């Protein structure tokens, strides 16, 4: 969970805070205008 996000360089959740920087990618907020509840909570399938 958050342990995945911390492996990356930063997150839009906490501007100016550096992550562990072990992998490259963006941590961004799930859009709240798509008709789905945020947080994303519950069961979902993965590809």
ModelCIF file with pLDDT and N, C-alpha, C, O atoms, coordinates in Angstrom:
data_MODEL
#
_entry.id   MODEL 
#
_entity.id                         1 
_entity.type                       polymer 
_entity.pdbx_number_of_molecules   1 
#
_entity_poly.entity_id                      1 
_entity_poly.type                           'polypeptide(L)' 
_entity_poly.nstd_linkage                   no 
_entity_poly.nstd_monomer                   no 
_entity_poly.pdbx_seq_one_letter_code       
;(UNK)(UNK)(UNK)(UNK)(UNK)(UNK)(UNK)(UNK)(UNK)(UNK)(UNK)(UNK)(UNK)(UNK)(UNK)(UNK)
(UNK)(UNK)(UNK)(UNK)(UNK)(UNK)(UNK)(UNK)(UNK)(UNK)(UNK)(UNK)(UNK)(UNK)(UNK)(UNK)
(UNK)(UNK)(UNK)(UNK)(UNK)(UNK)(UNK)(UNK)(UNK)(UNK)(UNK)(UNK)(UNK)(UNK)(UNK)
;
_entity_poly.pdbx_seq_one_letter_code_can   XXXXXXXXXXXXXXXXXXXXXXXXXXXXXXXXXXXXXXXXXXXXXXX 
_entity_poly.pdbx_strand_id                 A 
#
loop_
_entity_poly_seq.entity_id 
_entity_poly_seq.num 
_entity_poly_seq.mon_id 
_entity_poly_seq.hetero 
1 1  UNK n 
1 2  UNK n 
1 3  UNK n 
1 4  UNK n 
1 5  UNK n 
1 6  UNK n 
1 7  UNK n 
1 8  UNK n 
1 9  UNK n 
1 10 UNK n 
1 11 UNK n 
1 12 UNK n 
1 13 UNK n 
1 14 UNK n 
1 15 UNK n 
1 16 UNK n 
1 17 UNK n 
1 18 UNK n 
1 19 UNK n 
1 20 UNK n 
1 21 UNK n 
1 22 UNK n 
1 23 UNK n 
1 24 UNK n 
1 25 UNK n 
1 26 UNK n 
1 27 UNK n 
1 28 UNK n 
1 29 UNK n 
1 30 UNK n 
1 31 UNK n 
1 32 UNK n 
1 33 UNK n 
1 34 UNK n 
1 35 UNK n 
1 36 UNK n 
1 37 UNK n 
1 38 UNK n 
1 39 UNK n 
1 40 UNK n 
1 41 UNK n 
1 42 UNK n 
1 43 UNK n 
1 44 UNK n 
1 45 UNK n 
1 46 UNK n 
1 47 UNK n 
#
_struct_asym.id          A 
_struct_asym.entity_id   1 
#
loop_
_ma_qa_metric.id 
_ma_qa_metric.mode 
_ma_qa_metric.name 
_ma_qa_metric.software_group_id 
_ma_qa_metric.type 
1 global pLDDT . pLDDT 
2 local  pLDDT . pLDDT 
#
_ma_qa_metric_global.metric_id      1 
_ma_qa_metric_global.metric_value   95.83 
_ma_qa_metric_global.model_id       1 
_ma_qa_metric_global.ordinal_id     1 
#
loop_
_ma_qa_metric_local.label_asym_id 
_ma_qa_metric_local.label_comp_id 
_ma_qa_metric_local.label_seq_id 
_ma_qa_metric_local.metric_id 
_ma_qa_metric_local.metric_value 
_ma_qa_metric_local.model_id 
_ma_qa_metric_local.ordinal_id 
A UNK 1  2 97.00 1 1  
A UNK 2  2 97.00 1 2  
A UNK 3  2 97.00 1 3  
A UNK 4  2 98.00 1 4  
A UNK 5  2 98.00 1 5  
A UNK 6  2 98.00 1 6  
A UNK 7  2 98.00 1 7  
A UNK 8  2 98.00 1 8  
A UNK 9  2 97.00 1 9  
A UNK 10 2 97.00 1 10 
A UNK 11 2 98.00 1 11 
A UNK 12 2 97.00 1 12 
A UNK 13 2 97.00 1 13 
A UNK 14 2 97.00 1 14 
A UNK 15 2 94.00 1 15 
A UNK 16 2 95.00 1 16 
A UNK 17 2 97.00 1 17 
A UNK 18 2 97.00 1 18 
A UNK 19 2 97.00 1 19 
A UNK 20 2 98.00 1 20 
A UNK 21 2 97.00 1 21 
A UNK 22 2 97.00 1 22 
A UNK 23 2 98.00 1 23 
A UNK 24 2 97.00 1 24 
A UNK 25 2 96.00 1 25 
A UNK 26 2 96.00 1 26 
A UNK 27 2 98.00 1 27 
A UNK 28 2 98.00 1 28 
A UNK 29 2 97.00 1 29 
A UNK 30 2 97.00 1 30 
A UNK 31 2 95.00 1 31 
A UNK 32 2 90.00 1 32 
A UNK 33 2 82.00 1 33 
A UNK 34 2 79.00 1 34 
A UNK 35 2 85.00 1 35 
A UNK 36 2 92.00 1 36 
A UNK 37 2 94.00 1 37 
A UNK 38 2 96.00 1 38 
A UNK 39 2 96.00 1 39 
A UNK 40 2 97.00 1 40 
A UNK 41 2 97.00 1 41 
A UNK 42 2 98.00 1 42 
A UNK 43 2 98.00 1 43 
A UNK 44 2 98.00 1 44 
A UNK 45 2 98.00 1 45 
A UNK 46 2 98.00 1 46 
A UNK 47 2 98.00 1 47 
#
loop_
_atom_site.group_PDB 
_atom_site.id 
_atom_site.type_symbol 
_atom_site.label_atom_id 
_atom_site.label_alt_id 
_atom_site.label_comp_id 
_atom_site.label_asym_id 
_atom_site.label_entity_id 
_atom_site.label_seq_id 
_atom_site.pdbx_PDB_ins_code 
_atom_site.Cartn_x 
_atom_site.Cartn_y 
_atom_site.Cartn_z 
_atom_site.occupancy 
_atom_site.B_iso_or_equiv 
_atom_site.pdbx_formal_charge 
_atom_site.auth_seq_id 
_atom_site.auth_comp_id 
_atom_site.auth_asym_id 
_atom_site.auth_atom_id 
_atom_site.pdbx_PDB_model_num 
ATOM 1   N N  . UNK A 1 1  ? 0.840   -1.202 0.000   1.00 97.00 ? 1  UNK A N  1 
ATOM 2   C CA . UNK A 1 1  ? 0.000   0.000  0.000   1.00 97.00 ? 1  UNK A CA 1 
ATOM 3   C C  . UNK A 1 1  ? 0.876   1.253  0.000   1.00 97.00 ? 1  UNK A C  1 
ATOM 4   O O  . UNK A 1 1  ? 1.564   1.510  -0.988  1.00 97.00 ? 1  UNK A O  1 
ATOM 5   N N  . UNK A 1 2  ? 0.870   2.032  1.067   1.00 97.00 ? 2  UNK A N  1 
ATOM 6   C CA . UNK A 1 2  ? 1.747   3.194  1.127   1.00 97.00 ? 2  UNK A CA 1 
ATOM 7   C C  . UNK A 1 2  ? 3.205   2.776  0.966   1.00 97.00 ? 2  UNK A C  1 
ATOM 8   O O  . UNK A 1 2  ? 4.031   3.550  0.482   1.00 97.00 ? 2  UNK A O  1 
ATOM 9   N N  . UNK A 1 3  ? 3.516   1.545  1.376   1.00 97.00 ? 3  UNK A N  1 
ATOM 10  C CA . UNK A 1 3  ? 4.868   1.023  1.217   1.00 97.00 ? 3  UNK A CA 1 
ATOM 11  C C  . UNK A 1 3  ? 5.309   0.950  -0.234  1.00 97.00 ? 3  UNK A C  1 
ATOM 12  O O  . UNK A 1 3  ? 6.506   1.010  -0.516  1.00 97.00 ? 3  UNK A O  1 
ATOM 13  N N  . UNK A 1 4  ? 4.366   0.820  -1.164  1.00 98.00 ? 4  UNK A N  1 
ATOM 14  C CA . UNK A 1 4  ? 4.691   0.924  -2.590  1.00 98.00 ? 4  UNK A CA 1 
ATOM 15  C C  . UNK A 1 4  ? 5.012   2.368  -2.944  1.00 98.00 ? 4  UNK A C  1 
ATOM 16  O O  . UNK A 1 4  ? 6.027   2.635  -3.589  1.00 98.00 ? 4  UNK A O  1 
ATOM 17  N N  . UNK A 1 5  ? 4.169   3.294  -2.535  1.00 98.00 ? 5  UNK A N  1 
ATOM 18  C CA . UNK A 1 5  ? 4.343   4.694  -2.917  1.00 98.00 ? 5  UNK A CA 1 
ATOM 19  C C  . UNK A 1 5  ? 5.652   5.268  -2.389  1.00 98.00 ? 5  UNK A C  1 
ATOM 20  O O  . UNK A 1 5  ? 6.280   6.091  -3.055  1.00 98.00 ? 5  UNK A O  1 
ATOM 21  N N  . UNK A 1 6  ? 6.064   4.844  -1.204  1.00 98.00 ? 6  UNK A N  1 
ATOM 22  C CA . UNK A 1 6  ? 7.282   5.364  -0.586  1.00 98.00 ? 6  UNK A CA 1 
ATOM 23  C C  . UNK A 1 6  ? 8.539   4.972  -1.353  1.00 98.00 ? 6  UNK A C  1 
ATOM 24  O O  . UNK A 1 6  ? 9.585   5.595  -1.172  1.00 98.00 ? 6  UNK A O  1 
ATOM 25  N N  . UNK A 1 7  ? 8.460   3.964  -2.197  1.00 98.00 ? 7  UNK A N  1 
ATOM 26  C CA . UNK A 1 7  ? 9.621   3.544  -2.981  1.00 98.00 ? 7  UNK A CA 1 
ATOM 27  C C  . UNK A 1 7  ? 9.963   4.559  -4.069  1.00 98.00 ? 7  UNK A C  1 
ATOM 28  O O  . UNK A 1 7  ? 11.052  4.516  -4.641  1.00 98.00 ? 7  UNK A O  1 
ATOM 29  N N  . UNK A 1 8  ? 9.041   5.465  -4.353  1.00 98.00 ? 8  UNK A N  1 
ATOM 30  C CA . UNK A 1 8  ? 9.224   6.419  -5.443  1.00 98.00 ? 8  UNK A CA 1 
ATOM 31  C C  . UNK A 1 8  ? 9.761   7.759  -4.926  1.00 98.00 ? 8  UNK A C  1 
ATOM 32  O O  . UNK A 1 8  ? 9.955   7.940  -3.724  1.00 98.00 ? 8  UNK A O  1 
ATOM 33  N N  . UNK A 1 9  ? 9.995   8.679  -5.841  1.00 97.00 ? 9  UNK A N  1 
ATOM 34  C CA . UNK A 1 9  ? 10.734  9.901  -5.504  1.00 97.00 ? 9  UNK A CA 1 
ATOM 35  C C  . UNK A 1 9  ? 9.920   10.916 -4.716  1.00 97.00 ? 9  UNK A C  1 
ATOM 36  O O  . UNK A 1 9  ? 10.462  11.622 -3.866  1.00 97.00 ? 9  UNK A O  1 
ATOM 37  N N  . UNK A 1 10 ? 8.624   10.992 -4.994  1.00 97.00 ? 10 UNK A N  1 
ATOM 38  C CA . UNK A 1 10 ? 7.780   11.989 -4.333  1.00 97.00 ? 10 UNK A CA 1 
ATOM 39  C C  . UNK A 1 10 ? 6.321   11.633 -4.561  1.00 97.00 ? 10 UNK A C  1 
ATOM 40  O O  . UNK A 1 10 ? 6.000   10.707 -5.306  1.00 97.00 ? 10 UNK A O  1 
ATOM 41  N N  . UNK A 1 11 ? 5.434   12.391 -3.899  1.00 98.00 ? 11 UNK A N  1 
ATOM 42  C CA . UNK A 1 11 ? 3.999   12.183 -4.056  1.00 98.00 ? 11 UNK A CA 1 
ATOM 43  C C  . UNK A 1 11 ? 3.289   13.525 -4.050  1.00 98.00 ? 11 UNK A C  1 
ATOM 44  O O  . UNK A 1 11 ? 3.660   14.429 -3.302  1.00 98.00 ? 11 UNK A O  1 
ATOM 45  N N  . UNK A 1 12 ? 2.266   13.651 -4.889  1.00 97.00 ? 12 UNK A N  1 
ATOM 46  C CA . UNK A 1 12 ? 1.454   14.869 -4.887  1.00 97.00 ? 12 UNK A CA 1 
ATOM 47  C C  . UNK A 1 12 ? 0.741   15.071 -3.549  1.00 97.00 ? 12 UNK A C  1 
ATOM 48  O O  . UNK A 1 12 ? 0.272   16.170 -3.256  1.00 97.00 ? 12 UNK A O  1 
ATOM 49  N N  . UNK A 1 13 ? 0.658   14.023 -2.745  1.00 97.00 ? 13 UNK A N  1 
ATOM 50  C CA . UNK A 1 13 ? 0.002   14.125 -1.442  1.00 97.00 ? 13 UNK A CA 1 
ATOM 51  C C  . UNK A 1 13 ? 0.783   15.026 -0.486  1.00 97.00 ? 13 UNK A C  1 
ATOM 52  O O  . UNK A 1 13 ? 0.197   15.697 0.363   1.00 97.00 ? 13 UNK A O  1 
ATOM 53  N N  . UNK A 1 14 ? 2.107   15.036 -0.632  1.00 97.00 ? 14 UNK A N  1 
ATOM 54  C CA . UNK A 1 14 ? 2.962   15.760 0.315   1.00 97.00 ? 14 UNK A CA 1 
ATOM 55  C C  . UNK A 1 14 ? 4.046   16.503 -0.466  1.00 97.00 ? 14 UNK A C  1 
ATOM 56  O O  . UNK A 1 14 ? 5.154   15.998 -0.644  1.00 97.00 ? 14 UNK A O  1 
ATOM 57  N N  . UNK A 1 15 ? 3.718   17.684 -0.917  1.00 94.00 ? 15 UNK A N  1 
ATOM 58  C CA . UNK A 1 15 ? 4.655   18.455 -1.739  1.00 94.00 ? 15 UNK A CA 1 
ATOM 59  C C  . UNK A 1 15 ? 5.929   18.781 -0.963  1.00 94.00 ? 15 UNK A C  1 
ATOM 60  O O  . UNK A 1 15 ? 5.885   19.155 0.209   1.00 94.00 ? 15 UNK A O  1 
ATOM 61  N N  . UNK A 1 16 ? 7.048   18.632 -1.637  1.00 95.00 ? 16 UNK A N  1 
ATOM 62  C CA . UNK A 1 16 ? 8.333   18.954 -1.033  1.00 95.00 ? 16 UNK A CA 1 
ATOM 63  C C  . UNK A 1 16 ? 8.951   17.841 -0.222  1.00 95.00 ? 16 UNK A C  1 
ATOM 64  O O  . UNK A 1 16 ? 10.085  17.969 0.237   1.00 95.00 ? 16 UNK A O  1 
ATOM 65  N N  . UNK A 1 17 ? 8.226   16.742 -0.035  1.00 97.00 ? 17 UNK A N  1 
ATOM 66  C CA . UNK A 1 17 ? 8.748   15.615 0.736   1.00 97.00 ? 17 UNK A CA 1 
ATOM 67  C C  . UNK A 1 17 ? 9.348   14.591 -0.223  1.00 97.00 ? 17 UNK A C  1 
ATOM 68  O O  . UNK A 1 17 ? 8.684   14.141 -1.157  1.00 97.00 ? 17 UNK A O  1 
ATOM 69  N N  . UNK A 1 18 ? 10.577  14.235 0.009   1.00 97.00 ? 18 UNK A N  1 
ATOM 70  C CA . UNK A 1 18 ? 11.242  13.254 -0.834  1.00 97.00 ? 18 UNK A CA 1 
ATOM 71  C C  . UNK A 1 18 ? 10.960  11.839 -0.339  1.00 97.00 ? 18 UNK A C  1 
ATOM 72  O O  . UNK A 1 18 ? 11.024  11.559 0.858   1.00 97.00 ? 18 UNK A O  1 
ATOM 73  N N  . UNK A 1 19 ? 10.645  10.945 -1.294  1.00 97.00 ? 19 UNK A N  1 
ATOM 74  C CA . UNK A 1 19 ? 10.486  9.540  -0.960  1.00 97.00 ? 19 UNK A CA 1 
ATOM 75  C C  . UNK A 1 19 ? 11.825  8.833  -0.966  1.00 97.00 ? 19 UNK A C  1 
ATOM 76  O O  . UNK A 1 19 ? 12.876  9.474  -0.960  1.00 97.00 ? 19 UNK A O  1 
ATOM 77  N N  . UNK A 1 20 ? 11.786  7.507  -0.976  1.00 98.00 ? 20 UNK A N  1 
ATOM 78  C CA . UNK A 1 20 ? 13.018  6.728  -0.945  1.00 98.00 ? 20 UNK A CA 1 
ATOM 79  C C  . UNK A 1 20 ? 13.780  6.803  -2.267  1.00 98.00 ? 20 UNK A C  1 
ATOM 80  O O  . UNK A 1 20 ? 14.992  6.590  -2.299  1.00 98.00 ? 20 UNK A O  1 
ATOM 81  N N  . UNK A 1 21 ? 13.071  7.105  -3.355  1.00 97.00 ? 21 UNK A N  1 
ATOM 82  C CA . UNK A 1 21 ? 13.730  7.313  -4.640  1.00 97.00 ? 21 UNK A CA 1 
ATOM 83  C C  . UNK A 1 21 ? 14.350  6.070  -5.250  1.00 97.00 ? 21 UNK A C  1 
ATOM 84  O O  . UNK A 1 21 ? 15.325  6.164  -5.995  1.00 97.00 ? 21 UNK A O  1 
ATOM 85  N N  . UNK A 1 22 ? 13.795  4.906  -4.941  1.00 97.00 ? 22 UNK A N  1 
ATOM 86  C CA . UNK A 1 22 ? 14.342  3.655  -5.466  1.00 97.00 ? 22 UNK A CA 1 
ATOM 87  C C  . UNK A 1 22 ? 13.814  3.333  -6.859  1.00 97.00 ? 22 UNK A C  1 
ATOM 88  O O  . UNK A 1 22 ? 14.446  2.588  -7.608  1.00 97.00 ? 22 UNK A O  1 
ATOM 89  N N  . UNK A 1 23 ? 12.658  3.889  -7.207  1.00 98.00 ? 23 UNK A N  1 
ATOM 90  C CA . UNK A 1 23 ? 12.047  3.659  -8.510  1.00 98.00 ? 23 UNK A CA 1 
ATOM 91  C C  . UNK A 1 23 ? 11.543  4.987  -9.066  1.00 98.00 ? 23 UNK A C  1 
ATOM 92  O O  . UNK A 1 23 ? 11.329  5.945  -8.323  1.00 98.00 ? 23 UNK A O  1 
ATOM 93  N N  . UNK A 1 24 ? 11.355  5.029  -10.389 1.00 97.00 ? 24 UNK A N  1 
ATOM 94  C CA . UNK A 1 24 ? 10.866  6.238  -11.036 1.00 97.00 ? 24 UNK A CA 1 
ATOM 95  C C  . UNK A 1 24 ? 9.397   6.088  -11.420 1.00 97.00 ? 24 UNK A C  1 
ATOM 96  O O  . UNK A 1 24 ? 8.982   5.057  -11.949 1.00 97.00 ? 24 UNK A O  1 
ATOM 97  N N  . UNK A 1 25 ? 8.622   7.130  -11.144 1.00 96.00 ? 25 UNK A N  1 
ATOM 98  C CA . UNK A 1 25 ? 7.202   7.134  -11.455 1.00 96.00 ? 25 UNK A CA 1 
ATOM 99  C C  . UNK A 1 25 ? 6.540   8.253  -10.668 1.00 96.00 ? 25 UNK A C  1 
ATOM 100 O O  . UNK A 1 25 ? 7.180   8.881  -9.825  1.00 96.00 ? 25 UNK A O  1 
ATOM 101 N N  . UNK A 1 26 ? 5.263   8.507  -10.936 1.00 96.00 ? 26 UNK A N  1 
ATOM 102 C CA . UNK A 1 26 ? 4.537   9.585  -10.273 1.00 96.00 ? 26 UNK A CA 1 
ATOM 103 C C  . UNK A 1 26 ? 3.498   8.996  -9.321  1.00 96.00 ? 26 UNK A C  1 
ATOM 104 O O  . UNK A 1 26 ? 2.807   8.034  -9.655  1.00 96.00 ? 26 UNK A O  1 
ATOM 105 N N  . UNK A 1 27 ? 3.398   9.589  -8.132  1.00 98.00 ? 27 UNK A N  1 
ATOM 106 C CA . UNK A 1 27 ? 2.314   9.250  -7.206  1.00 98.00 ? 27 UNK A CA 1 
ATOM 107 C C  . UNK A 1 27 ? 1.335   10.419 -7.241  1.00 98.00 ? 27 UNK A C  1 
ATOM 108 O O  . UNK A 1 27 ? 1.655   11.520 -6.794  1.00 98.00 ? 27 UNK A O  1 
ATOM 109 N N  . UNK A 1 28 ? 0.144   10.172 -7.771  1.00 98.00 ? 28 UNK A N  1 
ATOM 110 C CA . UNK A 1 28 ? -0.830  11.238 -7.987  1.00 98.00 ? 28 UNK A CA 1 
ATOM 111 C C  . UNK A 1 28 ? -2.173  10.858 -7.369  1.00 98.00 ? 28 UNK A C  1 
ATOM 112 O O  . UNK A 1 28 ? -2.409  9.701  -7.020  1.00 98.00 ? 28 UNK A O  1 
ATOM 113 N N  . UNK A 1 29 ? -3.050  11.860 -7.239  1.00 97.00 ? 29 UNK A N  1 
ATOM 114 C CA . UNK A 1 29 ? -4.348  11.630 -6.599  1.00 97.00 ? 29 UNK A CA 1 
ATOM 115 C C  . UNK A 1 29 ? -5.348  11.031 -7.582  1.00 97.00 ? 29 UNK A C  1 
ATOM 116 O O  . UNK A 1 29 ? -5.387  11.410 -8.752  1.00 97.00 ? 29 UNK A O  1 
ATOM 117 N N  . UNK A 1 30 ? -6.148  10.100 -7.098  1.00 97.00 ? 30 UNK A N  1 
ATOM 118 C CA . UNK A 1 30 ? -7.230  9.557  -7.914  1.00 97.00 ? 30 UNK A CA 1 
ATOM 119 C C  . UNK A 1 30 ? -8.234  10.687 -8.186  1.00 97.00 ? 30 UNK A C  1 
ATOM 120 O O  . UNK A 1 30 ? -8.680  11.345 -7.246  1.00 97.00 ? 30 UNK A O  1 
ATOM 121 N N  . UNK A 1 31 ? -8.593  10.919 -9.442  1.00 95.00 ? 31 UNK A N  1 
ATOM 122 C CA . UNK A 1 31 ? -9.539  12.014 -9.756  1.00 95.00 ? 31 UNK A CA 1 
ATOM 123 C C  . UNK A 1 31 ? -10.868 11.843 -9.024  1.00 95.00 ? 31 UNK A C  1 
ATOM 124 O O  . UNK A 1 31 ? -11.392 10.736 -8.906  1.00 95.00 ? 31 UNK A O  1 
ATOM 125 N N  . UNK A 1 32 ? -11.401 12.962 -8.535  1.00 90.00 ? 32 UNK A N  1 
ATOM 126 C CA . UNK A 1 32 ? -12.661 12.904 -7.789  1.00 90.00 ? 32 UNK A CA 1 
ATOM 127 C C  . UNK A 1 32 ? -13.864 13.276 -8.646  1.00 90.00 ? 32 UNK A C  1 
ATOM 128 O O  . UNK A 1 32 ? -14.987 13.363 -8.150  1.00 90.00 ? 32 UNK A O  1 
ATOM 129 N N  . UNK A 1 33 ? -13.622 13.496 -9.937  1.00 82.00 ? 33 UNK A N  1 
ATOM 130 C CA . UNK A 1 33 ? -14.705 13.917 -10.821 1.00 82.00 ? 33 UNK A CA 1 
ATOM 131 C C  . UNK A 1 33 ? -15.128 12.818 -11.796 1.00 82.00 ? 33 UNK A C  1 
ATOM 132 O O  . UNK A 1 33 ? -15.738 13.102 -12.828 1.00 82.00 ? 33 UNK A O  1 
ATOM 133 N N  . UNK A 1 34 ? -14.805 11.561 -11.470 1.00 79.00 ? 34 UNK A N  1 
ATOM 134 C CA . UNK A 1 34 ? -15.136 10.479 -12.399 1.00 79.00 ? 34 UNK A CA 1 
ATOM 135 C C  . UNK A 1 34 ? -16.350 9.670  -11.946 1.00 79.00 ? 34 UNK A C  1 
ATOM 136 O O  . UNK A 1 34 ? -16.637 8.611  -12.506 1.00 79.00 ? 34 UNK A O  1 
ATOM 137 N N  . UNK A 1 35 ? -17.060 10.165 -10.938 1.00 85.00 ? 35 UNK A N  1 
ATOM 138 C CA . UNK A 1 35 ? -18.270 9.489  -10.475 1.00 85.00 ? 35 UNK A CA 1 
ATOM 139 C C  . UNK A 1 35 ? -18.021 8.354  -9.508  1.00 85.00 ? 35 UNK A C  1 
ATOM 140 O O  . UNK A 1 35 ? -18.963 7.696  -9.067  1.00 85.00 ? 35 UNK A O  1 
ATOM 141 N N  . UNK A 1 36 ? -16.761 8.113  -9.171  1.00 92.00 ? 36 UNK A N  1 
ATOM 142 C CA . UNK A 1 36 ? -16.408 7.051  -8.236  1.00 92.00 ? 36 UNK A CA 1 
ATOM 143 C C  . UNK A 1 36 ? -15.972 7.651  -6.911  1.00 92.00 ? 36 UNK A C  1 
ATOM 144 O O  . UNK A 1 36 ? -15.420 8.751  -6.869  1.00 92.00 ? 36 UNK A O  1 
ATOM 145 N N  . UNK A 1 37 ? -16.219 6.929  -5.837  1.00 94.00 ? 37 UNK A N  1 
ATOM 146 C CA . UNK A 1 37 ? -15.845 7.420  -4.516  1.00 94.00 ? 37 UNK A CA 1 
ATOM 147 C C  . UNK A 1 37 ? -14.335 7.332  -4.316  1.00 94.00 ? 37 UNK A C  1 
ATOM 148 O O  . UNK A 1 37 ? -13.689 6.376  -4.745  1.00 94.00 ? 37 UNK A O  1 
ATOM 149 N N  . UNK A 1 38 ? -13.795 8.341  -3.661  1.00 96.00 ? 38 UNK A N  1 
ATOM 150 C CA . UNK A 1 38 ? -12.389 8.356  -3.276  1.00 96.00 ? 38 UNK A CA 1 
ATOM 151 C C  . UNK A 1 38 ? -12.360 8.488  -1.750  1.00 96.00 ? 38 UNK A C  1 
ATOM 152 O O  . UNK A 1 38 ? -12.988 9.402  -1.215  1.00 96.00 ? 38 UNK A O  1 
ATOM 153 N N  . UNK A 1 39 ? -11.657 7.614  -1.035  1.00 96.00 ? 39 UNK A N  1 
ATOM 154 C CA . UNK A 1 39 ? -10.667 6.667  -1.549  1.00 96.00 ? 39 UNK A CA 1 
ATOM 155 C C  . UNK A 1 39 ? -11.262 5.474  -2.287  1.00 96.00 ? 39 UNK A C  1 
ATOM 156 O O  . UNK A 1 39 ? -12.429 5.123  -2.109  1.00 96.00 ? 39 UNK A O  1 
ATOM 157 N N  . UNK A 1 40 ? -10.438 4.874  -3.107  1.00 97.00 ? 40 UNK A N  1 
ATOM 158 C CA . UNK A 1 40 ? -10.728 3.591  -3.745  1.00 97.00 ? 40 UNK A CA 1 
ATOM 159 C C  . UNK A 1 40 ? -10.645 2.545  -2.642  1.00 97.00 ? 40 UNK A C  1 
ATOM 160 O O  . UNK A 1 40 ? -9.557  2.215  -2.170  1.00 97.00 ? 40 UNK A O  1 
ATOM 161 N N  . UNK A 1 41 ? -11.798 2.027  -2.236  1.00 97.00 ? 41 UNK A N  1 
ATOM 162 C CA . UNK A 1 41 ? -11.838 1.113  -1.095  1.00 97.00 ? 41 UNK A CA 1 
ATOM 163 C C  . UNK A 1 41 ? -12.675 -0.110 -1.439  1.00 97.00 ? 41 UNK A C  1 
ATOM 164 O O  . UNK A 1 41 ? -13.838 0.009  -1.827  1.00 97.00 ? 41 UNK A O  1 
ATOM 165 N N  . UNK A 1 42 ? -12.082 -1.271 -1.295  1.00 98.00 ? 42 UNK A N  1 
ATOM 166 C CA . UNK A 1 42 ? -12.797 -2.505 -1.538  1.00 98.00 ? 42 UNK A CA 1 
ATOM 167 C C  . UNK A 1 42 ? -12.064 -3.397 -2.526  1.00 98.00 ? 42 UNK A C  1 
ATOM 168 O O  . UNK A 1 42 ? -10.878 -3.208 -2.794  1.00 98.00 ? 42 UNK A O  1 
ATOM 169 N N  . UNK A 1 43 ? -12.789 -4.373 -3.062  1.00 98.00 ? 43 UNK A N  1 
ATOM 170 C CA . UNK A 1 43 ? -12.196 -5.387 -3.928  1.00 98.00 ? 43 UNK A CA 1 
ATOM 171 C C  . UNK A 1 43 ? -12.188 -4.927 -5.377  1.00 98.00 ? 43 UNK A C  1 
ATOM 172 O O  . UNK A 1 43 ? -13.151 -4.331 -5.860  1.00 98.00 ? 43 UNK A O  1 
ATOM 173 N N  . UNK A 1 44 ? -11.088 -5.213 -6.062  1.00 98.00 ? 44 UNK A N  1 
ATOM 174 C CA . UNK A 1 44 ? -10.987 -4.894 -7.478  1.00 98.00 ? 44 UNK A CA 1 
ATOM 175 C C  . UNK A 1 44 ? -10.072 -5.925 -8.137  1.00 98.00 ? 44 UNK A C  1 
ATOM 176 O O  . UNK A 1 44 ? -9.173  -6.478 -7.502  1.00 98.00 ? 44 UNK A O  1 
ATOM 177 N N  . UNK A 1 45 ? -10.318 -6.168 -9.412  1.00 98.00 ? 45 UNK A N  1 
ATOM 178 C CA . UNK A 1 45 ? -9.503  -7.152 -10.129 1.00 98.00 ? 45 UNK A CA 1 
ATOM 179 C C  . UNK A 1 45 ? -8.253  -6.492 -10.692 1.00 98.00 ? 45 UNK A C  1 
ATOM 180 O O  . UNK A 1 45 ? -8.234  -5.282 -10.920 1.00 98.00 ? 45 UNK A O  1 
ATOM 181 N N  . UNK A 1 46 ? -7.224  -7.274 -10.914 1.00 98.00 ? 46 UNK A N  1 
ATOM 182 C CA . UNK A 1 46 ? -5.971  -6.747 -11.452 1.00 98.00 ? 46 UNK A CA 1 
ATOM 183 C C  . UNK A 1 46 ? -5.631  -7.458 -12.761 1.00 98.00 ? 46 UNK A C  1 
ATOM 184 O O  . UNK A 1 46 ? -5.971  -8.624 -12.964 1.00 98.00 ? 46 UNK A O  1 
ATOM 185 N N  . UNK A 1 47 ? -4.960  -6.734 -13.627 1.00 98.00 ? 47 UNK A N  1 
ATOM 186 C CA . UNK A 1 47 ? -4.481  -7.271 -14.907 1.00 98.00 ? 47 UNK A CA 1 
ATOM 187 C C  . UNK A 1 47 ? -2.980  -7.442 -14.818 1.00 98.00 ? 47 UNK A C  1 
ATOM 188 O O  . UNK A 1 47 ? -2.351  -7.882 -15.781 1.00 98.00 ? 47 UNK A O  1 
#
